C-alpha atoms as a PDB file:
ATOM      1  CA  MET A   1      -5.706 -49.633  12.814  1.00  0.00           C
ATOM      2  CA  LYS A   2      -2.166 -48.466  12.337  1.00  0.00           C
ATOM      3  CA  LYS A   3      -1.694 -45.176  10.653  1.00  0.00           C
ATOM      4  CA  ILE A   4      -0.273 -45.709   7.237  1.00  0.00           C
ATOM      5  CA  THR A   5       2.023 -42.972   6.110  1.00  0.00           C
ATOM      6  CA  VAL A   6       2.224 -42.671   2.384  1.00  0.00           C
ATOM      7  CA  ILE A   7       5.205 -40.879   0.955  1.00  0.00           C
ATOM      8  CA  VAL A   8       4.947 -39.910  -2.629  1.00  0.00           C
ATOM      9  CA  SER A   9       7.444 -37.964  -4.585  1.00  0.00           C
ATOM     10  CA  LEU A  10       8.081 -36.927  -8.116  1.00  0.00           C
ATOM     11  CA  PHE A  11      11.632 -36.412  -9.179  1.00  0.00           C
ATOM     12  CA  ILE A  12      12.502 -35.221 -12.641  1.00  0.00           C
ATOM     13  CA  SER A  13      16.093 -34.636 -13.556  1.00  0.00           C
ATOM     14  CA  SER A  14      17.509 -33.295 -16.769  1.00  0.00           C
ATOM     15  CA  PHE A  15      20.747 -35.205 -16.127  1.00  0.00           C
ATOM     16  CA  GLY A  16      22.575 -32.367 -17.813  1.00  0.00           C
ATOM     17  CA  ALA A  17      25.957 -31.018 -16.916  1.00  0.00           C
ATOM     18  CA  TRP A  18      24.572 -29.388 -13.768  1.00  0.00           C
ATOM     19  CA  GLY A  19      22.297 -32.279 -12.630  1.00  0.00           C
ATOM     20  CA  GLN A  20      19.303 -29.951 -12.480  1.00  0.00           C
ATOM     21  CA  GLY A  21      15.960 -31.206 -11.236  1.00  0.00           C
ATOM     22  CA  PHE A  22      13.185 -30.680  -8.715  1.00  0.00           C
ATOM     23  CA  LEU A  23      11.243 -32.551  -6.043  1.00  0.00           C
ATOM     24  CA  ILE A  24       7.661 -31.964  -4.855  1.00  0.00           C
ATOM     25  CA  GLU A  25       6.285 -34.328  -2.227  1.00  0.00           C
ATOM     26  CA  THR A  26       3.442 -34.674   0.234  1.00  0.00           C
ATOM     27  CA  PRO A  27       4.623 -36.766   3.183  1.00  0.00           C
ATOM     28  CA  GLU A  28       1.095 -37.823   4.181  1.00  0.00           C
ATOM     29  CA  MET A  29      -1.019 -38.573   1.113  1.00  0.00           C
ATOM     30  CA  LEU A  30      -1.408 -38.772  -2.646  1.00  0.00           C
ATOM     31  CA  VAL A  31      -4.474 -36.531  -2.824  1.00  0.00           C
ATOM     32  CA  PHE A  32      -5.806 -33.410  -1.173  1.00  0.00           C
ATOM     33  CA  TYR A  33      -9.031 -33.458   0.852  1.00  0.00           C
ATOM     34  CA  GLU A  34     -11.461 -30.562   1.174  1.00  0.00           C
ATOM     35  CA  GLY A  35     -10.907 -28.690   4.424  1.00  0.00           C
ATOM     36  CA  ILE A  36      -7.815 -30.666   5.474  1.00  0.00           C
ATOM     37  CA  PRO A  37      -4.494 -28.772   5.572  1.00  0.00           C
ATOM     38  CA  ILE A  38      -1.680 -30.711   3.891  1.00  0.00           C
ATOM     39  CA  GLU A  39       2.019 -30.049   4.133  1.00  0.00           C
ATOM     40  CA  ILE A  40       3.831 -29.759   0.818  1.00  0.00           C
ATOM     41  CA  GLN A  41       7.597 -30.004   0.605  1.00  0.00           C
ATOM     42  CA  ALA A  42       9.601 -28.973  -2.421  1.00  0.00           C
ATOM     43  CA  CYS A  43      13.230 -28.471  -3.377  1.00  0.00           C
ATOM     44  CA  ALA A  44      15.303 -27.978  -6.498  1.00  0.00           C
ATOM     45  CA  THR A  45      18.714 -29.341  -7.374  1.00  0.00           C
ATOM     46  CA  GLY A  46      21.072 -27.286  -9.452  1.00  0.00           C
ATOM     47  CA  ASN A  47      22.276 -23.709  -9.411  1.00  0.00           C
ATOM     48  CA  TYR A  48      18.965 -21.971  -8.569  1.00  0.00           C
ATOM     49  CA  LYS A  49      18.110 -19.084  -6.299  1.00  0.00           C
ATOM     50  CA  ASN A  50      14.787 -17.805  -5.006  1.00  0.00           C
ATOM     51  CA  VAL A  51      13.012 -21.132  -5.468  1.00  0.00           C
ATOM     52  CA  VAL A  52       9.263 -20.544  -5.015  1.00  0.00           C
ATOM     53  CA  MET A  53       6.315 -22.945  -4.843  1.00  0.00           C
ATOM     54  CA  SER A  54       3.054 -21.753  -6.418  1.00  0.00           C
ATOM     55  CA  VAL A  55       0.812 -22.726  -3.476  1.00  0.00           C
ATOM     56  CA  PRO A  56       1.323 -22.107   0.254  1.00  0.00           C
ATOM     57  CA  SER A  57       2.251 -24.916   2.611  1.00  0.00           C
ATOM     58  CA  PRO A  58       0.190 -26.118   4.371  1.00  0.00           C
ATOM     59  CA  TYR A  59      -2.415 -25.986   1.615  1.00  0.00           C
ATOM     60  CA  THR A  60      -6.137 -26.445   2.298  1.00  0.00           C
ATOM     61  CA  ALA A  61      -8.461 -27.315  -0.573  1.00  0.00           C
ATOM     62  CA  ALA A  62     -11.668 -25.281  -0.475  1.00  0.00           C
ATOM     63  CA  SER A  63     -15.060 -26.759   0.319  1.00  0.00           C
ATOM     64  CA  GLY A  64     -16.833 -27.781  -2.881  1.00  0.00           C
ATOM     65  CA  SER A  65     -13.608 -28.304  -4.834  1.00  0.00           C
ATOM     66  CA  ALA A  66     -13.778 -32.132  -4.913  1.00  0.00           C
ATOM     67  CA  GLY A  67     -12.983 -33.446  -8.378  1.00  0.00           C
ATOM     68  CA  SER A  68     -10.728 -30.535  -9.246  1.00  0.00           C
ATOM     69  CA  ILE A  69      -6.974 -30.694  -9.730  1.00  0.00           C
ATOM     70  CA  VAL A  70      -4.476 -28.626  -7.740  1.00  0.00           C
ATOM     71  CA  VAL A  71      -1.342 -27.928  -9.733  1.00  0.00           C
ATOM     72  CA  VAL A  72       1.751 -27.285  -7.636  1.00  0.00           C
ATOM     73  CA  SER A  73       4.573 -25.697  -9.592  1.00  0.00           C
ATOM     74  CA  LEU A  74       8.101 -24.744  -8.695  1.00  0.00           C
ATOM     75  CA  SER A  75      10.043 -21.853 -10.164  1.00  0.00           C
ATOM     76  CA  GLY A  76      13.358 -20.199  -9.485  1.00  0.00           C
ATOM     77  CA  THR A  77      16.114 -17.972 -10.773  1.00  0.00           C
ATOM     78  CA  ASP A  78      19.013 -19.535 -12.656  1.00  0.00           C
ATOM     79  CA  SER A  79      22.688 -18.533 -12.490  1.00  0.00           C
ATOM     80  CA  GLU A  80      22.160 -15.910 -15.201  1.00  0.00           C
ATOM     81  CA  GLY A  81      19.295 -14.237 -13.338  1.00  0.00           C
ATOM     82  CA  ASN A  82      16.539 -15.643 -15.547  1.00  0.00           C
ATOM     83  CA  SER A  83      13.240 -16.784 -14.040  1.00  0.00           C
ATOM     84  CA  VAL A  84      12.685 -20.449 -14.946  1.00  0.00           C
ATOM     85  CA  SER A  85       9.952 -23.022 -14.396  1.00  0.00           C
ATOM     86  CA  LEU A  86      11.361 -26.070 -12.625  1.00  0.00           C
ATOM     87  CA  GLY A  87       8.350 -28.368 -12.951  1.00  0.00           C
ATOM     88  CA  THR A  88       4.820 -29.162 -11.782  1.00  0.00           C
ATOM     89  CA  LYS A  89       2.888 -31.900 -10.016  1.00  0.00           C
ATOM     90  CA  LYS A  90      -0.883 -32.425  -9.980  1.00  0.00           C
ATOM     91  CA  PHE A  91      -3.047 -33.511  -7.037  1.00  0.00           C
ATOM     92  CA  LEU A  92      -6.681 -34.615  -7.168  1.00  0.00           C
ATOM     93  CA  VAL A  93      -9.047 -33.070  -4.593  1.00  0.00           C
ATOM     94  CA  LYS A  94     -11.498 -35.419  -2.865  1.00  0.00           C
ATOM     95  CA  LYS A  95     -14.261 -34.868  -0.331  1.00  0.00           C
ATOM     96  CA  ALA A  96     -13.037 -35.161   3.237  1.00  0.00           C
ATOM     97  CA  PRO A  97     -13.804 -38.523   4.859  1.00  0.00           C
ATOM     98  CA  LYS A  98     -16.742 -38.607   7.249  1.00  0.00           C
ATOM     99  CA  PRO A  99     -15.802 -38.346  10.921  1.00  0.00           C
ATOM    100  CA  GLU A 100     -16.948 -40.689  13.674  1.00  0.00           C
ATOM    101  CA  LEU A 101     -19.594 -39.759  16.231  1.00  0.00           C
ATOM    102  CA  ILE A 102     -18.503 -39.837  19.874  1.00  0.00           C
ATOM    103  CA  TRP A 103     -20.851 -39.540  22.861  1.00  0.00           C
ATOM    104  CA  ASN A 104     -18.958 -38.527  26.027  1.00  0.00           C
ATOM    105  CA  GLY A 105     -15.811 -40.214  24.751  1.00  0.00           C
ATOM    106  CA  VAL A 106     -17.654 -43.423  23.752  1.00  0.00           C
ATOM    107  CA  ALA A 107     -17.416 -44.460  20.097  1.00  0.00           C
ATOM    108  CA  ASP A 108     -20.236 -45.724  17.896  1.00  0.00           C
ATOM    109  CA  GLY A 109     -21.323 -49.175  19.086  1.00  0.00           C
ATOM    110  CA  GLY A 110     -20.218 -48.652  22.681  1.00  0.00           C
ATOM    111  CA  ARG A 111     -22.066 -48.290  25.980  1.00  0.00           C
ATOM    112  CA  ALA A 112     -22.715 -44.653  26.868  1.00  0.00           C
ATOM    113  CA  MET A 113     -23.671 -42.974  30.140  1.00  0.00           C
ATOM    114  CA  ARG A 114     -27.206 -41.581  30.238  1.00  0.00           C
ATOM    115  CA  SER A 115     -26.035 -38.754  32.461  1.00  0.00           C
ATOM    116  CA  GLY A 116     -23.472 -37.366  30.020  1.00  0.00           C
ATOM    117  CA  GLY A 117     -24.495 -35.270  27.079  1.00  0.00           C
ATOM    118  CA  LEU A 118     -21.446 -34.164  25.110  1.00  0.00           C
ATOM    119  CA  LEU A 119     -21.366 -35.133  21.418  1.00  0.00           C
ATOM    120  CA  ALA A 120     -18.329 -34.767  19.164  1.00  0.00           C
ATOM    121  CA  CYS A 121     -17.287 -35.543  15.607  1.00  0.00           C
ATOM    122  CA  VAL A 122     -13.687 -36.738  15.323  1.00  0.00           C
ATOM    123  CA  TYR A 123     -11.413 -38.629  12.988  1.00  0.00           C
ATOM    124  CA  GLY A 124     -10.059 -41.978  14.109  1.00  0.00           C
ATOM    125  CA  ASP A 125      -6.962 -43.802  12.914  1.00  0.00           C
ATOM    126  CA  ASN A 126      -8.702 -44.749   9.657  1.00  0.00           C
ATOM    127  CA  VAL A 127      -7.777 -41.585   7.742  1.00  0.00           C
ATOM    128  CA  PRO A 128      -4.601 -41.135   5.658  1.00  0.00           C
ATOM    129  CA  PHE A 129      -3.568 -38.013   7.569  1.00  0.00           C
ATOM    130  CA  SER A 130      -3.226 -36.914  11.174  1.00  0.00           C
ATOM    131  CA  PRO A 131      -6.710 -37.207  12.793  1.00  0.00           C
ATOM    132  CA  SER A 132      -6.072 -33.937  14.642  1.00  0.00           C
ATOM    133  CA  LYS A 133      -6.438 -32.049  11.344  1.00  0.00           C
ATOM    134  CA  GLY A 134     -10.196 -32.541  11.468  1.00  0.00           C
ATOM    135  CA  ARG A 135     -12.128 -29.668  13.059  1.00  0.00           C
ATOM    136  CA  PHE A 136     -15.877 -30.111  13.416  1.00  0.00           C
ATOM    137  CA  GLU A 137     -18.872 -28.358  14.925  1.00  0.00           C
ATOM    138  CA  ILE A 138     -22.165 -30.126  15.589  1.00  0.00           C
ATOM    139  CA  LEU A 139     -25.117 -28.016  14.453  1.00  0.00           C
ATOM    140  CA  SER A 140     -28.007 -30.245  15.550  1.00  0.00           C
ATOM    141  CA  TYR A 141     -28.833 -33.714  16.869  1.00  0.00           C
ATOM    142  CA  SER A 142     -31.705 -36.174  16.769  1.00  0.00           C
ATOM    143  CA  ILE A 143     -32.029 -39.031  19.278  1.00  0.00           C
ATOM    144  CA  VAL A 144     -34.153 -42.111  18.627  1.00  0.00           C
ATOM    145  CA  VAL A 145     -34.590 -44.784  21.296  1.00  0.00           C
ATOM    146  CA  GLU A 146     -35.269 -48.301  20.048  1.00  0.00           C
ATOM    147  CA  GLY A 147     -38.893 -49.249  20.737  1.00  0.00           C
ATOM    148  CA  VAL A 148     -39.931 -45.688  21.630  1.00  0.00           C
ATOM    149  CA  LYS A 149     -42.017 -43.607  19.235  1.00  0.00           C
ATOM    150  CA  GLY A 150     -40.721 -40.178  18.211  1.00  0.00           C
ATOM    151  CA  SER A 151     -37.347 -38.485  18.574  1.00  0.00           C
ATOM    152  CA  LEU A 152     -35.581 -35.907  20.710  1.00  0.00           C
ATOM    153  CA  GLU A 153     -34.392 -32.958  18.606  1.00  0.00           C
ATOM    154  CA  GLY A 154     -31.804 -30.417  19.730  1.00  0.00           C
ATOM    155  CA  THR A 155     -29.098 -28.017  18.611  1.00  0.00           C
ATOM    156  CA  GLY A 156     -25.382 -27.893  19.305  1.00  0.00           C
ATOM    157  CA  SER A 157     -23.069 -30.557  20.683  1.00  0.00           C
ATOM    158  CA  ALA A 158     -24.511 -30.726  24.216  1.00  0.00           C
ATOM    159  CA  ILE A 159     -27.599 -32.877  24.733  1.00  0.00           C
ATOM    160  CA  SER A 160     -30.103 -30.761  26.657  1.00  0.00           C
ATOM    161  CA  THR A 161     -30.902 -31.488  30.306  1.00  0.00           C
ATOM    162  CA  SER A 162     -34.525 -32.339  29.458  1.00  0.00           C
ATOM    163  CA  HIS A 163     -33.386 -34.868  26.842  1.00  0.00           C
ATOM    164  CA  LEU A 164     -30.917 -36.440  29.281  1.00  0.00           C
ATOM    165  CA  ASN A 165     -33.702 -36.701  31.874  1.00  0.00           C
ATOM    166  CA  ALA A 166     -35.881 -38.438  29.269  1.00  0.00           C
ATOM    167  CA  LEU A 167     -33.070 -40.936  28.589  1.00  0.00           C
ATOM    168  CA  LYS A 168     -32.585 -41.556  32.334  1.00  0.00           C
ATOM    169  CA  SER A 169     -36.276 -42.389  32.705  1.00  0.00           C
ATOM    170  CA  ILE A 170     -36.045 -45.321  30.261  1.00  0.00           C
ATOM    171  CA  LYS A 171     -36.005 -48.603  32.163  1.00  0.00           C
ATOM    172  CA  GLY A 172     -33.562 -51.388  31.346  1.00  0.00           C
ATOM    173  CA  ASP A 173     -31.000 -51.562  28.573  1.00  0.00           C
ATOM    174  CA  SER A 174     -31.868 -49.758  25.366  1.00  0.00           C
ATOM    175  CA  ARG A 175     -30.225 -48.983  22.061  1.00  0.00           C
ATOM    176  CA  VAL A 176     -30.075 -45.315  21.119  1.00  0.00           C
ATOM    177  CA  THR A 177     -29.326 -43.931  17.673  1.00  0.00           C
ATOM    178  CA  ILE A 178     -28.026 -40.380  17.514  1.00  0.00           C
ATOM    179  CA  THR A 179     -27.862 -38.542  14.207  1.00  0.00           C
ATOM    180  CA  VAL A 180     -26.008 -35.236  13.959  1.00  0.00           C
ATOM    181  CA  LYS A 181     -25.567 -32.563  11.333  1.00  0.00           C
ATOM    182  CA  TYR A 182     -22.016 -31.217  11.347  1.00  0.00           C
ATOM    183  CA  THR A 183     -19.821 -28.634   9.660  1.00  0.00           C
ATOM    184  CA  GLY A 184     -16.134 -27.714   9.716  1.00  0.00           C
ATOM    185  CA  SER A 185     -13.434 -29.702   7.913  1.00  0.00           C
ATOM    186  CA  GLY A 186     -16.342 -31.384   6.183  1.00  0.00           C
ATOM    187  CA  ASN A 187     -20.104 -30.961   6.115  1.00  0.00           C
ATOM    188  CA  GLY A 188     -22.715 -33.655   6.395  1.00  0.00           C
ATOM    189  CA  ILE A 189     -24.807 -35.963   8.541  1.00  0.00           C
ATOM    190  CA  ILE A 190     -23.594 -38.998  10.499  1.00  0.00           C
ATOM    191  CA  SER A 191     -25.205 -41.407  12.928  1.00  0.00           C
ATOM    192  CA  GLY A 192     -23.995 -43.499  15.809  1.00  0.00           C
ATOM    193  CA  SER A 193     -25.629 -46.313  17.761  1.00  0.00           C
ATOM    194  CA  PHE A 194     -25.079 -46.627  21.508  1.00  0.00           C
ATOM    195  CA  GLN A 195     -26.178 -48.966  24.272  1.00  0.00           C
ATOM    196  CA  ILE A 196     -27.502 -47.270  27.407  1.00  0.00           C
END
């Protein structure tokens, strides 16, 4: 899927004698996501000095802030030395999208190698920002093999040697479902299904 870059801007101009106005834009998206740093660009037109934005850029919305509104305001000093408000723009905060589960570089639905045990949570091209902004850590995993009773439980992103040996001992093709608990740019649980 092609990355879609959304450019949104708000431009308010007084259309007075000096053509004063301001611009606040986020080159990547219309909203902020918890745990995802977003670049904010701002500028003011007119005779202003010391133009300051109220939030740092990049800005990262805190975990648990979904549903809240981040107000970005711009202020500056006019030609007479007075501090003036140049305008504001509001952004809704949403929960970060869920990442995809990868097993040794193989995506959900693919054929994985029984000998490899590295799990990772990553963003694909289906997010409205650069996938590299997602940073995740896998806390635990659970492996269920289709047709086999029970599960293999472990911690961290590396499947243990004993669990890999158990997978190697399964004869023929099998479908494996791996469920992980993750933290980082987002927190949650995701699953992936792999053919081995």
